[in-house]
């Protein structure tokens, strides 16, 4: 974060991060569309630049699931990563955790975008973004 941002009030920091630090592709993907309203906290905004991993280490209730769900949804609605579109893996300790927390939980993917089609155990994918070439599969152990 730029040293000048430290002097701003928290709301201004959040606005500066959202408007200035996100990559152009992420800003385009997060453009207002008919989805539930969500305003990320500063720690829920993906880091700028080209990165491979984004680790959110925080306590209970910090918004890790919401941040991940909104990022994955925005990514799936954005420009395709490959000629085949987006192929997303949702990995949790168990498949039931992946479903209950990451997909149908109160801050999961279906809360971020109710238009996502959820077909557990689908032949090609568990989640499909309508009108997009984006699919996601759930992974995890079948038992704890």
N, C-alpha and C. Protein backbone atom coordinates (compact mmCIF):
# COMPACT_ATOMS: atom_id res chain seq x y z
N UNK A 1 0.86 -1.18 0.00
CA UNK A 1 0.00 0.00 0.00
C UNK A 1 0.90 1.24 0.00
N UNK A 2 0.53 2.21 -0.78
CA UNK A 2 1.29 3.44 -0.89
C UNK A 2 1.33 4.16 0.47
N UNK A 3 2.48 4.74 0.84
CA UNK A 3 2.57 5.47 2.12
C UNK A 3 1.53 6.57 2.24
N UNK A 4 1.14 7.19 1.12
CA UNK A 4 0.15 8.28 1.19
C UNK A 4 -1.22 7.75 1.58
N UNK A 5 -1.50 6.47 1.31
CA UNK A 5 -2.81 5.91 1.68
C UNK A 5 -2.96 5.77 3.19
N UNK A 6 -1.84 5.64 3.92
CA UNK A 6 -1.91 5.47 5.37
C UNK A 6 -2.53 6.69 6.05
N UNK A 7 -2.44 7.85 5.42
CA UNK A 7 -2.97 9.08 6.03
C UNK A 7 -4.45 9.29 5.75
N UNK A 8 -5.05 8.48 4.88
CA UNK A 8 -6.46 8.65 4.54
C UNK A 8 -7.36 7.95 5.54
N UNK A 9 -8.62 8.43 5.68
CA UNK A 9 -9.59 7.71 6.51
C UNK A 9 -9.88 6.35 5.89
N UNK A 10 -10.31 5.36 6.69
CA UNK A 10 -10.53 4.00 6.18
C UNK A 10 -11.43 3.93 4.95
N UNK A 11 -12.51 4.72 4.89
CA UNK A 11 -13.40 4.67 3.73
C UNK A 11 -12.69 5.14 2.46
N UNK A 12 -11.84 6.15 2.60
CA UNK A 12 -11.09 6.66 1.45
C UNK A 12 -10.03 5.65 1.01
N UNK A 13 -9.41 4.95 1.97
CA UNK A 13 -8.44 3.91 1.63
C UNK A 13 -9.14 2.82 0.84
N UNK A 14 -10.31 2.39 1.32
CA UNK A 14 -11.07 1.35 0.64
C UNK A 14 -11.40 1.77 -0.78
N UNK A 15 -11.87 3.02 -0.94
CA UNK A 15 -12.21 3.52 -2.27
C UNK A 15 -10.97 3.58 -3.16
N UNK A 16 -9.85 4.03 -2.63
CA UNK A 16 -8.62 4.11 -3.41
C UNK A 16 -8.15 2.73 -3.84
N UNK A 17 -8.25 1.76 -2.94
CA UNK A 17 -7.84 0.40 -3.29
C UNK A 17 -8.75 -0.18 -4.35
N UNK A 18 -10.05 0.01 -4.18
CA UNK A 18 -11.00 -0.56 -5.14
C UNK A 18 -10.82 0.07 -6.50
N UNK A 19 -10.71 1.39 -6.55
CA UNK A 19 -10.65 2.08 -7.83
C UNK A 19 -9.26 2.12 -8.44
N UNK A 20 -8.22 2.14 -7.60
CA UNK A 20 -6.90 2.33 -8.15
C UNK A 20 -6.00 1.12 -8.19
N UNK A 21 -6.09 0.26 -7.20
CA UNK A 21 -5.11 -0.81 -7.11
C UNK A 21 -5.51 -2.08 -7.84
N UNK A 22 -6.79 -2.27 -8.08
CA UNK A 22 -7.20 -3.48 -8.80
C UNK A 22 -6.75 -3.41 -10.25
N UNK A 23 -6.37 -4.53 -10.79
CA UNK A 23 -6.00 -4.60 -12.20
C UNK A 23 -7.20 -4.23 -13.05
N UNK A 24 -6.96 -3.71 -14.24
CA UNK A 24 -8.05 -3.29 -15.12
C UNK A 24 -9.01 -4.44 -15.41
N UNK A 25 -8.49 -5.63 -15.57
CA UNK A 25 -9.34 -6.79 -15.84
C UNK A 25 -10.27 -7.07 -14.66
N UNK A 26 -9.75 -6.97 -13.45
CA UNK A 26 -10.57 -7.22 -12.27
C UNK A 26 -11.63 -6.14 -12.12
N UNK A 27 -11.25 -4.88 -12.38
CA UNK A 27 -12.24 -3.79 -12.29
C UNK A 27 -13.37 -4.01 -13.29
N UNK A 28 -13.03 -4.44 -14.50
CA UNK A 28 -14.05 -4.70 -15.52
C UNK A 28 -14.96 -5.83 -15.09
N UNK A 29 -14.37 -6.87 -14.51
CA UNK A 29 -15.17 -8.02 -14.07
C UNK A 29 -16.07 -7.66 -12.90
N UNK A 30 -15.64 -6.71 -12.08
CA UNK A 30 -16.43 -6.31 -10.92
C UNK A 30 -17.38 -5.15 -11.23
N UNK A 31 -17.49 -4.78 -12.50
CA UNK A 31 -18.37 -3.68 -12.89
C UNK A 31 -19.80 -3.98 -12.44
N UNK A 32 -20.56 -2.95 -12.10
CA UNK A 32 -21.92 -3.18 -11.60
C UNK A 32 -22.77 -3.97 -12.59
N UNK A 33 -23.32 -5.04 -12.11
CA UNK A 33 -24.30 -5.82 -12.87
C UNK A 33 -25.39 -6.22 -11.88
N UNK A 34 -26.39 -6.92 -12.35
CA UNK A 34 -27.53 -7.27 -11.50
C UNK A 34 -27.18 -8.40 -10.55
N UNK A 35 -26.32 -8.13 -9.58
CA UNK A 35 -25.94 -9.10 -8.56
C UNK A 35 -26.16 -8.48 -7.19
N UNK A 36 -26.22 -9.32 -6.15
CA UNK A 36 -26.35 -8.75 -4.80
C UNK A 36 -25.21 -7.78 -4.51
N UNK A 37 -25.51 -6.75 -3.76
CA UNK A 37 -24.51 -5.74 -3.43
C UNK A 37 -23.53 -6.28 -2.40
N UNK A 38 -22.27 -6.04 -2.63
CA UNK A 38 -21.22 -6.44 -1.70
C UNK A 38 -20.12 -5.40 -1.76
N UNK A 39 -19.76 -4.85 -0.61
CA UNK A 39 -18.67 -3.88 -0.55
C UNK A 39 -17.54 -4.52 0.23
N UNK A 40 -16.42 -4.82 -0.43
CA UNK A 40 -15.32 -5.49 0.27
C UNK A 40 -14.60 -4.58 1.26
N UNK A 41 -14.11 -5.18 2.30
CA UNK A 41 -13.21 -4.49 3.23
C UNK A 41 -11.84 -4.44 2.54
N UNK A 42 -10.94 -3.63 3.04
CA UNK A 42 -9.62 -3.49 2.42
C UNK A 42 -8.88 -4.83 2.34
N UNK A 43 -9.02 -5.66 3.37
CA UNK A 43 -8.29 -6.94 3.37
C UNK A 43 -8.95 -7.99 2.46
N UNK A 44 -10.13 -7.70 1.91
CA UNK A 44 -10.84 -8.64 1.04
C UNK A 44 -10.60 -8.34 -0.45
N UNK A 45 -9.79 -7.35 -0.74
CA UNK A 45 -9.53 -6.96 -2.13
C UNK A 45 -8.29 -7.70 -2.62
N UNK A 46 -8.38 -8.36 -3.78
CA UNK A 46 -7.22 -9.08 -4.29
C UNK A 46 -6.03 -8.14 -4.49
N UNK A 47 -4.82 -8.62 -4.26
CA UNK A 47 -3.66 -7.77 -4.45
C UNK A 47 -3.48 -7.41 -5.92
N UNK A 48 -2.92 -6.25 -6.21
CA UNK A 48 -2.68 -5.87 -7.60
C UNK A 48 -1.54 -6.69 -8.19
N UNK A 49 -1.44 -6.69 -9.48
CA UNK A 49 -0.33 -7.34 -10.16
C UNK A 49 -0.64 -8.77 -10.57
N UNK A 50 0.39 -9.39 -11.11
CA UNK A 50 0.28 -10.76 -11.60
C UNK A 50 0.76 -11.70 -10.50
N UNK A 51 -0.15 -12.43 -9.90
CA UNK A 51 0.19 -13.31 -8.80
C UNK A 51 -0.45 -14.68 -9.03
N UNK A 52 0.09 -15.68 -8.36
CA UNK A 52 -0.40 -17.04 -8.53
C UNK A 52 -1.25 -17.47 -7.33
N UNK A 53 -0.89 -17.03 -6.14
CA UNK A 53 -1.62 -17.40 -4.92
C UNK A 53 -2.04 -16.15 -4.17
N UNK A 54 -3.20 -16.23 -3.54
CA UNK A 54 -3.69 -15.15 -2.68
C UNK A 54 -4.11 -15.82 -1.39
N UNK A 55 -3.40 -15.60 -0.31
CA UNK A 55 -3.66 -16.26 0.96
C UNK A 55 -4.34 -15.28 1.91
N UNK A 56 -5.53 -15.65 2.36
CA UNK A 56 -6.25 -14.85 3.36
C UNK A 56 -6.14 -15.59 4.69
N UNK A 57 -5.35 -15.05 5.59
CA UNK A 57 -5.21 -15.63 6.91
C UNK A 57 -5.90 -14.69 7.87
N UNK A 58 -7.03 -15.14 8.41
CA UNK A 58 -7.81 -14.28 9.29
C UNK A 58 -8.67 -15.15 10.19
N UNK A 59 -9.20 -14.54 11.20
CA UNK A 59 -10.05 -15.25 12.15
C UNK A 59 -11.46 -15.46 11.63
N UNK A 60 -12.24 -16.09 12.47
CA UNK A 60 -13.62 -16.38 12.16
C UNK A 60 -14.41 -15.09 11.94
N UNK A 61 -15.19 -15.04 10.88
CA UNK A 61 -16.02 -13.87 10.61
C UNK A 61 -15.30 -12.74 9.90
N UNK A 62 -14.08 -12.97 9.42
CA UNK A 62 -13.32 -11.90 8.75
C UNK A 62 -13.72 -11.73 7.29
N UNK A 63 -14.50 -12.66 6.75
CA UNK A 63 -14.95 -12.52 5.37
C UNK A 63 -14.12 -13.26 4.35
N UNK A 64 -13.43 -14.30 4.76
CA UNK A 64 -12.59 -15.06 3.83
C UNK A 64 -13.44 -15.73 2.75
N UNK A 65 -14.54 -16.37 3.15
CA UNK A 65 -15.39 -17.06 2.18
C UNK A 65 -16.03 -16.07 1.22
N UNK A 66 -16.53 -14.95 1.74
CA UNK A 66 -17.15 -13.94 0.87
C UNK A 66 -16.14 -13.39 -0.13
N UNK A 67 -14.93 -13.10 0.33
CA UNK A 67 -13.90 -12.58 -0.56
C UNK A 67 -13.59 -13.59 -1.66
N UNK A 68 -13.43 -14.83 -1.27
CA UNK A 68 -13.13 -15.87 -2.26
C UNK A 68 -14.27 -16.07 -3.24
N UNK A 69 -15.50 -16.10 -2.74
CA UNK A 69 -16.66 -16.31 -3.61
C UNK A 69 -16.81 -15.17 -4.61
N UNK A 70 -16.67 -13.94 -4.16
CA UNK A 70 -16.81 -12.80 -5.07
C UNK A 70 -15.66 -12.74 -6.07
N UNK A 71 -14.45 -13.09 -5.62
CA UNK A 71 -13.33 -13.09 -6.55
C UNK A 71 -13.53 -14.16 -7.62
N UNK A 72 -13.89 -15.37 -7.21
CA UNK A 72 -14.08 -16.47 -8.17
C UNK A 72 -15.20 -16.11 -9.15
N UNK A 73 -16.30 -15.56 -8.64
CA UNK A 73 -17.41 -15.18 -9.52
C UNK A 73 -16.98 -14.10 -10.52
N UNK A 74 -16.27 -13.08 -10.03
CA UNK A 74 -15.81 -12.01 -10.94
C UNK A 74 -14.84 -12.57 -11.98
N UNK A 75 -13.98 -13.48 -11.56
CA UNK A 75 -13.03 -14.09 -12.48
C UNK A 75 -13.78 -14.91 -13.54
N UNK A 76 -14.78 -15.68 -13.12
CA UNK A 76 -15.54 -16.52 -14.06
C UNK A 76 -16.33 -15.66 -15.05
N UNK A 77 -16.76 -14.47 -14.64
CA UNK A 77 -17.50 -13.59 -15.53
C UNK A 77 -16.57 -12.75 -16.42
N UNK A 78 -15.27 -12.80 -16.13
CA UNK A 78 -14.31 -12.00 -16.89
C UNK A 78 -13.82 -12.72 -18.13
N UNK A 79 -12.81 -12.15 -18.77
CA UNK A 79 -12.24 -12.75 -19.98
C UNK A 79 -11.72 -14.16 -19.70
N UNK A 80 -11.92 -15.04 -20.66
CA UNK A 80 -11.53 -16.45 -20.49
C UNK A 80 -10.02 -16.59 -20.31
N UNK A 81 -9.63 -17.52 -19.45
CA UNK A 81 -8.21 -17.80 -19.20
C UNK A 81 -7.60 -18.65 -20.30
N UNK A 82 -8.41 -19.55 -20.84
CA UNK A 82 -7.94 -20.47 -21.87
C UNK A 82 -8.92 -20.43 -23.03
N UNK A 83 -8.56 -21.01 -24.16
CA UNK A 83 -9.50 -21.05 -25.29
C UNK A 83 -10.81 -21.78 -24.94
N UNK A 84 -10.75 -22.67 -23.94
CA UNK A 84 -11.95 -23.40 -23.52
C UNK A 84 -12.77 -22.64 -22.47
N UNK A 85 -12.32 -21.50 -22.03
CA UNK A 85 -13.02 -20.73 -21.00
C UNK A 85 -12.34 -20.88 -19.66
N UNK A 86 -13.14 -20.91 -18.60
CA UNK A 86 -12.62 -21.05 -17.24
C UNK A 86 -12.94 -22.43 -16.71
N UNK A 87 -11.96 -23.10 -16.12
CA UNK A 87 -12.16 -24.36 -15.41
C UNK A 87 -11.66 -24.11 -13.99
N UNK A 88 -12.58 -24.11 -13.04
CA UNK A 88 -12.29 -23.71 -11.67
C UNK A 88 -12.40 -24.92 -10.75
N UNK A 89 -11.48 -25.03 -9.80
CA UNK A 89 -11.54 -26.09 -8.79
C UNK A 89 -11.84 -25.45 -7.45
N UNK A 90 -12.86 -25.96 -6.78
CA UNK A 90 -13.19 -25.52 -5.43
C UNK A 90 -12.80 -26.66 -4.50
N UNK A 91 -11.78 -26.42 -3.70
CA UNK A 91 -11.18 -27.47 -2.90
C UNK A 91 -11.39 -27.17 -1.42
N UNK A 92 -11.88 -28.17 -0.69
CA UNK A 92 -12.13 -28.03 0.74
C UNK A 92 -11.74 -29.35 1.40
N UNK A 93 -11.70 -29.39 2.74
CA UNK A 93 -11.33 -30.64 3.40
C UNK A 93 -12.21 -31.82 2.97
N UNK A 94 -13.51 -31.60 2.82
CA UNK A 94 -14.41 -32.64 2.31
C UNK A 94 -15.29 -32.03 1.22
N UNK A 95 -15.87 -32.88 0.38
CA UNK A 95 -16.80 -32.39 -0.64
C UNK A 95 -18.00 -31.71 0.02
N UNK A 96 -18.42 -32.23 1.16
CA UNK A 96 -19.56 -31.63 1.88
C UNK A 96 -19.21 -30.22 2.35
N UNK A 97 -17.97 -30.01 2.81
CA UNK A 97 -17.52 -28.66 3.19
C UNK A 97 -17.52 -27.74 1.98
N UNK A 98 -17.04 -28.25 0.85
CA UNK A 98 -17.01 -27.44 -0.37
C UNK A 98 -18.43 -27.00 -0.73
N UNK A 99 -19.38 -27.93 -0.64
CA UNK A 99 -20.77 -27.60 -0.97
C UNK A 99 -21.38 -26.67 0.07
N UNK A 100 -21.32 -27.05 1.35
CA UNK A 100 -22.02 -26.31 2.41
C UNK A 100 -21.45 -24.93 2.69
N UNK A 101 -20.16 -24.77 2.56
CA UNK A 101 -19.52 -23.49 2.88
C UNK A 101 -19.26 -22.66 1.63
N UNK A 102 -18.54 -23.25 0.67
CA UNK A 102 -18.08 -22.48 -0.49
C UNK A 102 -19.15 -22.22 -1.53
N UNK A 103 -20.18 -23.07 -1.59
CA UNK A 103 -21.19 -22.91 -2.63
C UNK A 103 -22.52 -22.42 -2.05
N UNK A 104 -23.14 -23.17 -1.16
CA UNK A 104 -24.48 -22.81 -0.69
C UNK A 104 -24.49 -22.09 0.65
N UNK A 105 -23.33 -21.87 1.26
CA UNK A 105 -23.26 -21.14 2.52
C UNK A 105 -23.75 -19.71 2.37
N UNK A 106 -23.98 -19.06 3.51
CA UNK A 106 -24.55 -17.70 3.45
C UNK A 106 -23.67 -16.68 2.75
N UNK A 107 -22.36 -16.96 2.63
CA UNK A 107 -21.47 -16.06 1.88
C UNK A 107 -20.78 -16.79 0.73
N UNK A 108 -21.32 -17.94 0.33
CA UNK A 108 -20.73 -18.74 -0.74
C UNK A 108 -21.03 -18.21 -2.12
N UNK A 109 -20.68 -19.00 -3.12
CA UNK A 109 -20.83 -18.59 -4.52
C UNK A 109 -22.27 -18.29 -4.91
N UNK A 110 -23.22 -19.07 -4.44
CA UNK A 110 -24.62 -18.82 -4.81
C UNK A 110 -25.15 -17.54 -4.18
N UNK A 111 -24.58 -17.13 -3.05
CA UNK A 111 -24.96 -15.84 -2.45
C UNK A 111 -24.34 -14.70 -3.26
N UNK A 112 -23.14 -14.92 -3.78
CA UNK A 112 -22.47 -13.89 -4.59
C UNK A 112 -23.14 -13.73 -5.94
N UNK A 113 -23.61 -14.84 -6.52
CA UNK A 113 -24.25 -14.79 -7.83
C UNK A 113 -25.31 -15.89 -7.91
N UNK A 114 -26.57 -15.56 -7.62
CA UNK A 114 -27.64 -16.56 -7.64
C UNK A 114 -27.90 -17.16 -9.02
N UNK A 115 -27.36 -16.58 -10.08
CA UNK A 115 -27.57 -17.10 -11.43
C UNK A 115 -26.72 -18.34 -11.72
N UNK A 116 -25.73 -18.61 -10.89
CA UNK A 116 -24.89 -19.79 -11.10
C UNK A 116 -25.76 -21.03 -10.95
N UNK A 117 -25.59 -21.97 -11.87
CA UNK A 117 -26.36 -23.22 -11.83
C UNK A 117 -25.54 -24.25 -11.05
N UNK A 118 -26.14 -24.77 -9.97
CA UNK A 118 -25.47 -25.75 -9.12
C UNK A 118 -26.08 -27.12 -9.36
N UNK A 119 -25.26 -28.01 -9.92
CA UNK A 119 -25.68 -29.39 -10.17
C UNK A 119 -24.68 -30.31 -9.49
N UNK A 120 -24.89 -30.63 -8.21
CA UNK A 120 -23.92 -31.48 -7.52
C UNK A 120 -23.74 -32.81 -8.23
N UNK A 121 -22.51 -33.21 -8.43
CA UNK A 121 -22.21 -34.47 -9.09
C UNK A 121 -22.43 -34.46 -10.58
N UNK A 122 -22.45 -33.26 -11.19
CA UNK A 122 -22.64 -33.16 -12.64
C UNK A 122 -21.55 -33.90 -13.39
N UNK A 123 -21.87 -34.35 -14.60
CA UNK A 123 -20.89 -35.14 -15.38
C UNK A 123 -19.65 -34.34 -15.73
N UNK A 124 -19.81 -33.07 -16.09
CA UNK A 124 -18.65 -32.28 -16.47
C UNK A 124 -18.26 -31.27 -15.39
N UNK A 125 -19.23 -30.81 -14.60
CA UNK A 125 -18.92 -29.83 -13.57
C UNK A 125 -20.08 -29.76 -12.57
N UNK A 126 -19.76 -29.23 -11.40
CA UNK A 126 -20.79 -29.04 -10.36
C UNK A 126 -21.46 -27.68 -10.47
N UNK A 127 -20.73 -26.69 -10.97
CA UNK A 127 -21.24 -25.32 -11.09
C UNK A 127 -21.04 -24.84 -12.53
N UNK A 128 -22.04 -24.14 -13.06
CA UNK A 128 -21.96 -23.58 -14.41
C UNK A 128 -22.43 -22.14 -14.36
N UNK A 129 -21.63 -21.24 -14.94
CA UNK A 129 -22.02 -19.84 -15.06
C UNK A 129 -22.80 -19.70 -16.36
N UNK A 130 -24.10 -19.34 -16.30
CA UNK A 130 -24.90 -19.23 -17.53
C UNK A 130 -24.36 -18.16 -18.47
N UNK A 131 -24.36 -18.49 -19.75
CA UNK A 131 -23.91 -17.53 -20.76
C UNK A 131 -22.41 -17.33 -20.79
N UNK A 132 -21.67 -18.07 -20.00
CA UNK A 132 -20.21 -17.95 -19.95
C UNK A 132 -19.63 -19.34 -20.20
N UNK A 133 -18.41 -19.37 -20.61
CA UNK A 133 -17.72 -20.65 -20.72
C UNK A 133 -16.92 -20.84 -19.43
N UNK A 134 -17.64 -20.93 -18.32
CA UNK A 134 -17.01 -21.08 -17.02
C UNK A 134 -17.71 -22.18 -16.24
N UNK A 135 -16.91 -23.12 -15.73
CA UNK A 135 -17.44 -24.22 -14.94
C UNK A 135 -16.53 -24.42 -13.74
N UNK A 136 -17.10 -25.00 -12.68
CA UNK A 136 -16.31 -25.30 -11.47
C UNK A 136 -16.68 -26.68 -10.99
N UNK A 137 -15.68 -27.35 -10.45
CA UNK A 137 -15.89 -28.67 -9.86
C UNK A 137 -15.48 -28.63 -8.40
N UNK A 138 -16.19 -29.40 -7.57
CA UNK A 138 -15.90 -29.48 -6.14
C UNK A 138 -14.96 -30.65 -5.88
N UNK A 139 -13.98 -30.42 -5.03
CA UNK A 139 -13.03 -31.47 -4.68
C UNK A 139 -12.85 -31.51 -3.17
N UNK A 140 -12.66 -32.69 -2.65
CA UNK A 140 -12.41 -32.91 -1.23
C UNK A 140 -12.57 -34.38 -0.93
N UNK A 141 -12.17 -34.77 0.27
CA UNK A 141 -12.35 -36.16 0.66
C UNK A 141 -13.84 -36.44 0.83
N UNK A 142 -14.23 -37.69 0.64
CA UNK A 142 -15.64 -38.04 0.81
C UNK A 142 -16.01 -38.16 2.28
N UNK A 143 -15.04 -38.38 3.14
CA UNK A 143 -15.27 -38.41 4.59
C UNK A 143 -14.15 -37.63 5.26
N UNK A 144 -14.39 -37.12 6.45
CA UNK A 144 -13.32 -36.35 7.13
C UNK A 144 -12.06 -37.16 7.38
